[in-house]
Amino acid sequence: MNSRTIVISAVNLTSGGPLTILQECLSYLNSSPLLATYEVIALVHDRKLADFPHIRYIELPSSKKHWINRLYYEYVYFRRLSHRLKPYLWLSLHDTTPNVRAHRRAVYMHNPIIFNSVRLRNWKFDKTYILFTLFYKYLYRINIRKNDFYIVQQNWFKESIGRMFRIDPDKIVVARPVNRSQTNLSAAPPICRPCRTFFFPSLSRPFKNFEVVCQAVEILNGRTAKDFKVVLTIDGTESKYSTWVYNRYKHVRHIEFTGLLDKKQMNEYYAATDCLLFPSRLETWGLPISEFARYARPMILADKDYAREAAEGCARVAFFTPDDPNRLSSLMQNAIEGDFKDFTPVCRIPIQEPYAKNYQELFDILLE
């Protein structure tokens, strides 16, 4: 019988990059030698989102119904649950530090909204999200010094939270969500053919900046008669923001609104894409950048720290200011015409220790 327990708390992770983190974390634990010593218990919204046979699940479907429910679970219910489960390690995968008792405590900090500058024009899209953005940095602070480790995805995030919360850098683990050795960047020669298909995969949130792509296409339509296509993974049904984008730009030629894609569809679109677009103003990682890197094709990215770190080692990357549709339009036109003089290699960034290249190394650090 297992003598110790690992609790993975992820009741708020249901989509996008955070859900991928949960799935990959549980996938590793499901086949890990750690199962000989530890029972792994996952606290989730719905186990169907990340279902593995050797993981024990506690489902909490009401966690997503209201943010007050989330606070109740984090700071009241989980306290009682930790007394019952007596975990050796409690790993919270969603930023905040719950009020629990455990021999080891760690928090995975991947929500960058604490660094977000609130735009009042986005009030019409999601009032609750803006209020939560303003409140979130204070939630981050609750219990934060009770953690033994803090897990982040990039160096810039490590440095930023270290300064903001005065955390010892030796306790902040950089854990990359993608194994860069699997992308075969050095083995794949860069592809420099003229681009016809552009792809921006993302969830529907105002900071994702879908409108700058649409504005760039409007400008580009007046500059070139060449055929091209821009694929956006919204269709106007996801949120007030996506409805606004869709209604404003649905008549613009060369834009295709697909709606949210599953993983199989994403891979099919990646394979058919000539150039990735990623204009998001705010990310911890920017997972599509890493996922697309293995194709060795051009990318046009927001000139942000997260994008430069996610694209390290890639050979054909151009950057633009996220609020500059004219520059984006010019880079897209160059790509269509096969002119890649502004697309350059991105140097690799030295990673500060402690560093985990995969989940095995991460859990070695957390459990040592």
Foldseek 3Di string as FASTA:
>chain_A
DAPAEEEEEDAPDDDDPLLLLVQQLVVCVLPDPCLVHYAYEYEYQDCVSRPHDRHHYDHDVCCPVDVVSVVCVQEPVQQVVCVVRAHQEYEYEDQAHGDHDHVAYEYEHWDFLCVPDDDPVCCVWPVPVSVCSVVVVVRNQVCVVVHQAYEAADPVVLVVVCVVNVDDSQRYEHEHSDQLVVLCLVVDAADQDFFAEEEEEDDDDVLQQPQLQLVLLQVLVVVDPDHHAYEYAQQLPRTSRSVVSCVVRVPRPRYHHNHHDDPVVVVVVLVVGQEYEGLGPDGRARVVLLVSQSVNHEYEYEPDPNNLANQASRAFYAYDHSVDSNVVSVCSVCSNVSNRPRTGHRHHDDDDPPYDSGSVSVVVVRPD
